[in-house]
Amino acid sequence: MPRTSDPPTARIAALERDADALRRAFLTTPIFALDDHGLHARFEDFGRTALALFRETARSAGGEQAAQRIEGAYHRVHEALQAVATLALSDTEPGFPAHGNGTTEPPPQDVRQSVIRRGTQFS
């Protein structure tokens, strides 16, 4: 995480690097091992840092662009978390009856792959 003595632009750049590393970790770590890798604590630390930087830069000159960079970094991590949550909450057992009429649903696709393929661009 960025040091608070660094200028805001350097801290934002460090936050963006942290976001990319955290995003990659969420998208490549097996769901059952997320806690073992300390990702929950890393995400909490990342969120606190992003919020503090956002508050600091919102009041400064050029704060609009800085806020957009911080928001973009946060959204990259949030998108990865959504993909992990979708996968974790989906029914992963093939052939499990999902409907009252006994028909089955195919196993869900690992949505993390589509997030990885899209890269870090947000629209």
N, C-alpha and C. Protein backbone atom coordinates (compact mmCIF):
# COMPACT_ATOMS: atom_id res chain seq x y z
N MET A 1 0.83 -1.18 0.00
CA MET A 1 0.00 0.00 0.00
C MET A 1 0.88 1.25 0.00
N PRO A 2 0.37 2.32 -0.59
CA PRO A 2 1.15 3.55 -0.67
C PRO A 2 1.41 4.17 0.70
N ARG A 3 2.57 4.82 0.84
CA ARG A 3 2.89 5.53 2.08
C ARG A 3 2.21 6.89 2.05
N THR A 4 1.74 7.35 3.21
CA THR A 4 1.03 8.63 3.26
C THR A 4 1.95 9.82 3.06
N SER A 5 3.26 9.65 3.16
CA SER A 5 4.17 10.77 2.94
C SER A 5 4.43 11.03 1.46
N ASP A 6 4.08 10.09 0.59
CA ASP A 6 4.26 10.28 -0.84
C ASP A 6 3.26 11.31 -1.36
N PRO A 7 3.59 12.01 -2.46
CA PRO A 7 2.61 12.92 -3.04
C PRO A 7 1.42 12.13 -3.58
N PRO A 8 0.25 12.78 -3.68
CA PRO A 8 -0.96 12.05 -4.10
C PRO A 8 -0.81 11.32 -5.43
N THR A 9 -0.12 11.89 -6.42
CA THR A 9 0.00 11.20 -7.70
C THR A 9 0.79 9.90 -7.57
N ALA A 10 1.83 9.91 -6.76
CA ALA A 10 2.61 8.69 -6.54
C ALA A 10 1.78 7.66 -5.77
N ARG A 11 1.00 8.12 -4.82
CA ARG A 11 0.16 7.21 -4.04
C ARG A 11 -0.96 6.64 -4.90
N ILE A 12 -1.49 7.44 -5.82
CA ILE A 12 -2.53 6.93 -6.72
C ILE A 12 -1.94 5.89 -7.66
N ALA A 13 -0.74 6.14 -8.18
CA ALA A 13 -0.08 5.16 -9.04
C ALA A 13 0.16 3.85 -8.28
N ALA A 14 0.58 3.96 -7.03
CA ALA A 14 0.78 2.76 -6.20
C ALA A 14 -0.54 2.05 -5.96
N LEU A 15 -1.61 2.81 -5.74
CA LEU A 15 -2.94 2.22 -5.55
C LEU A 15 -3.37 1.47 -6.81
N GLU A 16 -3.11 2.05 -7.98
CA GLU A 16 -3.46 1.38 -9.23
C GLU A 16 -2.68 0.08 -9.40
N ARG A 17 -1.42 0.08 -9.03
CA ARG A 17 -0.63 -1.17 -9.09
C ARG A 17 -1.18 -2.20 -8.11
N ASP A 18 -1.53 -1.74 -6.91
CA ASP A 18 -2.12 -2.65 -5.92
C ASP A 18 -3.44 -3.21 -6.42
N ALA A 19 -4.23 -2.37 -7.08
CA ALA A 19 -5.52 -2.82 -7.62
C ALA A 19 -5.32 -3.92 -8.65
N ASP A 20 -4.36 -3.72 -9.54
CA ASP A 20 -4.11 -4.74 -10.56
C ASP A 20 -3.62 -6.05 -9.95
N ALA A 21 -2.76 -5.96 -8.95
CA ALA A 21 -2.26 -7.17 -8.28
C ALA A 21 -3.38 -7.87 -7.52
N LEU A 22 -4.21 -7.10 -6.83
CA LEU A 22 -5.31 -7.68 -6.07
C LEU A 22 -6.35 -8.30 -7.00
N ARG A 23 -6.65 -7.61 -8.09
CA ARG A 23 -7.60 -8.13 -9.09
C ARG A 23 -7.09 -9.46 -9.64
N ARG A 24 -5.83 -9.48 -10.02
CA ARG A 24 -5.23 -10.71 -10.56
C ARG A 24 -5.29 -11.84 -9.52
N ALA A 25 -5.02 -11.51 -8.26
CA ALA A 25 -5.07 -12.53 -7.20
C ALA A 25 -6.48 -13.08 -7.03
N PHE A 26 -7.49 -12.21 -7.05
CA PHE A 26 -8.87 -12.67 -6.91
C PHE A 26 -9.28 -13.55 -8.08
N LEU A 27 -8.82 -13.22 -9.28
CA LEU A 27 -9.25 -13.96 -10.47
C LEU A 27 -8.47 -15.25 -10.69
N THR A 28 -7.36 -15.43 -10.02
CA THR A 28 -6.56 -16.64 -10.25
C THR A 28 -6.46 -17.56 -9.03
N THR A 29 -6.89 -17.11 -7.88
CA THR A 29 -6.83 -17.93 -6.66
C THR A 29 -8.09 -18.77 -6.55
N PRO A 30 -7.97 -20.06 -6.29
CA PRO A 30 -9.17 -20.87 -6.09
C PRO A 30 -10.02 -20.30 -4.95
N ILE A 31 -11.33 -20.39 -5.11
CA ILE A 31 -12.25 -19.78 -4.14
C ILE A 31 -11.98 -20.28 -2.73
N PHE A 32 -11.74 -21.57 -2.58
CA PHE A 32 -11.55 -22.12 -1.23
C PHE A 32 -10.26 -21.61 -0.57
N ALA A 33 -9.35 -21.03 -1.35
CA ALA A 33 -8.07 -20.58 -0.81
C ALA A 33 -7.96 -19.07 -0.65
N LEU A 34 -9.04 -18.34 -0.90
CA LEU A 34 -8.98 -16.87 -0.83
C LEU A 34 -8.53 -16.39 0.55
N ASP A 35 -9.10 -16.97 1.60
CA ASP A 35 -8.71 -16.55 2.95
C ASP A 35 -7.28 -16.96 3.28
N ASP A 36 -6.86 -18.12 2.78
CA ASP A 36 -5.50 -18.58 3.04
C ASP A 36 -4.45 -17.62 2.48
N HIS A 37 -4.80 -16.93 1.42
CA HIS A 37 -3.86 -15.99 0.80
C HIS A 37 -4.00 -14.58 1.35
N GLY A 38 -4.84 -14.40 2.35
CA GLY A 38 -4.99 -13.08 2.97
C GLY A 38 -5.67 -12.05 2.11
N LEU A 39 -6.46 -12.49 1.14
CA LEU A 39 -7.06 -11.54 0.21
C LEU A 39 -8.13 -10.67 0.86
N HIS A 40 -8.82 -11.19 1.86
CA HIS A 40 -9.83 -10.38 2.55
C HIS A 40 -9.17 -9.19 3.23
N ALA A 41 -8.09 -9.44 3.94
CA ALA A 41 -7.37 -8.35 4.63
C ALA A 41 -6.76 -7.38 3.62
N ARG A 42 -6.21 -7.91 2.53
CA ARG A 42 -5.64 -7.04 1.50
C ARG A 42 -6.71 -6.15 0.88
N PHE A 43 -7.91 -6.70 0.67
CA PHE A 43 -8.99 -5.91 0.09
C PHE A 43 -9.45 -4.82 1.06
N GLU A 44 -9.55 -5.15 2.34
CA GLU A 44 -9.93 -4.14 3.33
C GLU A 44 -8.91 -3.01 3.37
N ASP A 45 -7.64 -3.36 3.36
CA ASP A 45 -6.58 -2.35 3.37
C ASP A 45 -6.64 -1.50 2.10
N PHE A 46 -6.85 -2.14 0.97
CA PHE A 46 -6.97 -1.44 -0.30
C PHE A 46 -8.15 -0.46 -0.26
N GLY A 47 -9.29 -0.90 0.25
CA GLY A 47 -10.47 -0.04 0.33
C GLY A 47 -10.25 1.17 1.23
N ARG A 48 -9.62 0.95 2.37
CA ARG A 48 -9.32 2.08 3.27
C ARG A 48 -8.39 3.09 2.60
N THR A 49 -7.37 2.58 1.92
CA THR A 49 -6.42 3.46 1.24
C THR A 49 -7.11 4.23 0.12
N ALA A 50 -7.94 3.54 -0.66
CA ALA A 50 -8.65 4.20 -1.75
C ALA A 50 -9.57 5.30 -1.22
N LEU A 51 -10.28 5.02 -0.15
CA LEU A 51 -11.18 6.01 0.43
C LEU A 51 -10.41 7.22 0.95
N ALA A 52 -9.31 6.98 1.64
CA ALA A 52 -8.50 8.09 2.17
C ALA A 52 -7.95 8.95 1.04
N LEU A 53 -7.45 8.31 -0.01
CA LEU A 53 -6.94 9.06 -1.16
C LEU A 53 -8.05 9.84 -1.86
N PHE A 54 -9.21 9.21 -1.98
CA PHE A 54 -10.35 9.87 -2.62
C PHE A 54 -10.73 11.12 -1.85
N ARG A 55 -10.82 11.01 -0.54
CA ARG A 55 -11.17 12.17 0.29
C ARG A 55 -10.12 13.26 0.17
N GLU A 56 -8.86 12.87 0.18
CA GLU A 56 -7.78 13.85 0.10
C GLU A 56 -7.76 14.58 -1.24
N THR A 57 -7.90 13.84 -2.32
CA THR A 57 -7.78 14.45 -3.64
C THR A 57 -9.03 15.18 -4.08
N ALA A 58 -10.17 14.83 -3.52
CA ALA A 58 -11.42 15.49 -3.91
C ALA A 58 -11.38 16.98 -3.60
N ARG A 59 -10.62 17.35 -2.59
CA ARG A 59 -10.54 18.76 -2.18
C ARG A 59 -9.42 19.52 -2.89
N SER A 60 -8.56 18.83 -3.60
CA SER A 60 -7.39 19.49 -4.18
C SER A 60 -7.64 19.91 -5.63
N ALA A 61 -6.76 20.76 -6.13
CA ALA A 61 -6.82 21.15 -7.53
C ALA A 61 -6.49 19.92 -8.37
N GLY A 62 -7.20 19.73 -9.45
CA GLY A 62 -7.00 18.54 -10.27
C GLY A 62 -7.60 17.30 -9.66
N GLY A 63 -8.46 17.50 -8.69
CA GLY A 63 -9.05 16.37 -7.97
C GLY A 63 -9.95 15.50 -8.82
N GLU A 64 -10.55 16.08 -9.85
CA GLU A 64 -11.46 15.32 -10.71
C GLU A 64 -10.74 14.15 -11.40
N GLN A 65 -9.60 14.45 -12.00
CA GLN A 65 -8.85 13.40 -12.68
C GLN A 65 -8.31 12.37 -11.69
N ALA A 66 -7.83 12.84 -10.55
CA ALA A 66 -7.32 11.93 -9.53
C ALA A 66 -8.43 11.02 -9.02
N ALA A 67 -9.60 11.60 -8.79
CA ALA A 67 -10.74 10.81 -8.31
C ALA A 67 -11.14 9.76 -9.33
N GLN A 68 -11.08 10.09 -10.61
CA GLN A 68 -11.41 9.12 -11.65
C GLN A 68 -10.42 7.96 -11.67
N ARG A 69 -9.15 8.26 -11.46
CA ARG A 69 -8.14 7.19 -11.41
C ARG A 69 -8.38 6.28 -10.21
N ILE A 70 -8.68 6.87 -9.06
CA ILE A 70 -8.94 6.08 -7.86
C ILE A 70 -10.18 5.22 -8.05
N GLU A 71 -11.22 5.83 -8.61
CA GLU A 71 -12.47 5.10 -8.85
C GLU A 71 -12.24 3.95 -9.83
N GLY A 72 -11.46 4.19 -10.88
CA GLY A 72 -11.16 3.14 -11.85
C GLY A 72 -10.43 1.97 -11.21
N ALA A 73 -9.47 2.27 -10.36
CA ALA A 73 -8.73 1.21 -9.66
C ALA A 73 -9.67 0.40 -8.78
N TYR A 74 -10.54 1.10 -8.05
CA TYR A 74 -11.47 0.41 -7.17
C TYR A 74 -12.44 -0.46 -7.98
N HIS A 75 -12.91 0.05 -9.11
CA HIS A 75 -13.86 -0.71 -9.92
C HIS A 75 -13.23 -1.97 -10.51
N ARG A 76 -11.95 -1.92 -10.85
CA ARG A 76 -11.29 -3.12 -11.38
C ARG A 76 -11.30 -4.24 -10.34
N VAL A 77 -11.02 -3.88 -9.10
CA VAL A 77 -11.04 -4.88 -8.03
C VAL A 77 -12.47 -5.33 -7.75
N HIS A 78 -13.40 -4.39 -7.75
CA HIS A 78 -14.80 -4.73 -7.47
C HIS A 78 -15.35 -5.68 -8.53
N GLU A 79 -15.01 -5.46 -9.80
CA GLU A 79 -15.47 -6.35 -10.86
C GLU A 79 -14.95 -7.78 -10.64
N ALA A 80 -13.71 -7.89 -10.22
CA ALA A 80 -13.15 -9.22 -9.94
C ALA A 80 -13.89 -9.87 -8.78
N LEU A 81 -14.20 -9.10 -7.75
CA LEU A 81 -14.95 -9.63 -6.60
C LEU A 81 -16.34 -10.09 -7.02
N GLN A 82 -16.98 -9.34 -7.90
CA GLN A 82 -18.30 -9.75 -8.38
C GLN A 82 -18.22 -11.07 -9.12
N ALA A 83 -17.19 -11.25 -9.93
CA ALA A 83 -17.02 -12.51 -10.65
C ALA A 83 -16.81 -13.67 -9.69
N VAL A 84 -16.00 -13.46 -8.66
CA VAL A 84 -15.75 -14.50 -7.66
C VAL A 84 -17.04 -14.81 -6.91
N ALA A 85 -17.80 -13.78 -6.53
CA ALA A 85 -19.05 -13.99 -5.81
C ALA A 85 -20.06 -14.75 -6.66
N THR A 86 -20.16 -14.40 -7.93
CA THR A 86 -21.08 -15.10 -8.83
C THR A 86 -20.71 -16.57 -8.93
N LEU A 87 -19.43 -16.84 -9.06
CA LEU A 87 -18.99 -18.23 -9.14
C LEU A 87 -19.25 -18.97 -7.83
N ALA A 88 -18.97 -18.33 -6.71
CA ALA A 88 -19.14 -18.97 -5.41
C ALA A 88 -20.60 -19.26 -5.10
N LEU A 89 -21.49 -18.40 -5.57
CA LEU A 89 -22.90 -18.56 -5.26
C LEU A 89 -23.64 -19.42 -6.28
N SER A 90 -22.98 -19.76 -7.38
CA SER A 90 -23.65 -20.54 -8.41
C SER A 90 -23.64 -22.02 -8.03
N ASP A 91 -24.53 -22.75 -8.65
CA ASP A 91 -24.61 -24.19 -8.43
C ASP A 91 -23.54 -24.83 -9.30
N THR A 92 -22.53 -25.41 -8.70
CA THR A 92 -21.43 -25.98 -9.47
C THR A 92 -21.52 -27.49 -9.63
N GLU A 93 -22.54 -28.10 -9.09
CA GLU A 93 -22.66 -29.55 -9.20
C GLU A 93 -23.40 -29.90 -10.49
N PRO A 94 -22.75 -30.56 -11.46
CA PRO A 94 -23.40 -30.87 -12.72
C PRO A 94 -24.57 -31.84 -12.52
N GLY A 95 -25.61 -31.61 -13.27
CA GLY A 95 -26.75 -32.48 -13.22
C GLY A 95 -27.65 -32.27 -12.03
N PHE A 96 -27.46 -31.24 -11.29
CA PHE A 96 -28.29 -30.95 -10.12
C PHE A 96 -29.63 -30.43 -10.59
N PRO A 97 -30.75 -31.06 -10.19
CA PRO A 97 -32.05 -30.57 -10.64
C PRO A 97 -32.29 -29.14 -10.13
N ALA A 98 -32.51 -28.26 -11.06
CA ALA A 98 -32.70 -26.86 -10.69
C ALA A 98 -34.15 -26.44 -10.83
N HIS A 99 -34.97 -27.27 -11.45
CA HIS A 99 -36.36 -26.90 -11.70
C HIS A 99 -37.29 -27.97 -11.11
N GLY A 100 -38.49 -27.56 -10.84
CA GLY A 100 -39.48 -28.48 -10.28
C GLY A 100 -39.84 -29.60 -11.23
N ASN A 101 -39.66 -29.41 -12.52
CA ASN A 101 -40.02 -30.44 -13.49
C ASN A 101 -38.91 -31.48 -13.67
N GLY A 102 -37.82 -31.36 -12.91
CA GLY A 102 -36.75 -32.36 -12.95
C GLY A 102 -35.68 -32.09 -13.99
N THR A 103 -35.84 -31.06 -14.80
CA THR A 103 -34.79 -30.77 -15.78
C THR A 103 -33.57 -30.21 -15.06
N THR A 104 -32.45 -30.44 -15.67
CA THR A 104 -31.21 -29.99 -15.05
C THR A 104 -30.64 -28.80 -15.81
N GLU A 105 -29.82 -28.07 -15.11
CA GLU A 105 -29.12 -26.94 -15.73
C GLU A 105 -27.68 -27.34 -15.94
N PRO A 106 -27.06 -26.85 -17.00
CA PRO A 106 -25.64 -27.16 -17.19
C PRO A 106 -24.82 -26.48 -16.10
N PRO A 107 -23.64 -27.01 -15.81
CA PRO A 107 -22.81 -26.37 -14.79
C PRO A 107 -22.45 -24.95 -15.23
N PRO A 108 -22.35 -24.04 -14.29
CA PRO A 108 -22.08 -22.66 -14.66
C PRO A 108 -20.66 -22.49 -15.21
N GLN A 109 -20.53 -21.52 -16.07
CA GLN A 109 -19.22 -21.19 -16.63
C GLN A 109 -18.47 -20.36 -15.59
N ASP A 110 -17.19 -20.54 -15.53
CA ASP A 110 -16.38 -19.74 -14.61
C ASP A 110 -16.32 -18.32 -15.17
N VAL A 111 -17.11 -17.41 -14.57
CA VAL A 111 -17.21 -16.05 -15.08
C VAL A 111 -15.92 -15.27 -14.90
N ARG A 112 -15.01 -15.78 -14.09
CA ARG A 112 -13.75 -15.08 -13.91
C ARG A 112 -12.97 -15.02 -15.22
N GLN A 113 -13.12 -16.03 -16.08
CA GLN A 113 -12.39 -16.03 -17.34
C GLN A 113 -12.81 -14.87 -18.24
N SER A 114 -14.10 -14.55 -18.27
CA SER A 114 -14.54 -13.43 -19.09
C SER A 114 -14.03 -12.11 -18.54
N VAL A 115 -13.91 -12.00 -17.23
CA VAL A 115 -13.37 -10.78 -16.63
C VAL A 115 -11.88 -10.66 -16.95
N ILE A 116 -11.16 -11.77 -16.91
CA ILE A 116 -9.73 -11.75 -17.22
C ILE A 116 -9.53 -11.35 -18.67
N ARG A 117 -10.33 -11.90 -19.58
CA ARG A 117 -10.17 -11.60 -21.00
C ARG A 117 -10.43 -10.14 -21.33
N ARG A 118 -11.35 -9.52 -20.61
CA ARG A 118 -11.68 -8.13 -20.91
C ARG A 118 -10.58 -7.17 -20.51
N GLY A 119 -9.65 -7.62 -19.70
CA GLY A 119 -8.57 -6.74 -19.27
C GLY A 119 -9.03 -5.76 -18.22
N THR A 120 -8.36 -4.63 -18.17
CA THR A 120 -8.65 -3.67 -17.10
C THR A 120 -9.43 -2.47 -17.60
N GLN A 121 -9.93 -2.50 -18.81
CA GLN A 121 -10.67 -1.35 -19.34
C GLN A 121 -12.10 -1.35 -18.82
N PHE A 122 -12.55 -0.18 -18.45
CA PHE A 122 -13.93 -0.01 -18.01
C PHE A 122 -14.63 0.92 -18.97
N SER A 123 -15.88 0.63 -19.25
CA SER A 123 -16.64 1.53 -20.11
C SER A 123 -17.72 2.21 -19.33
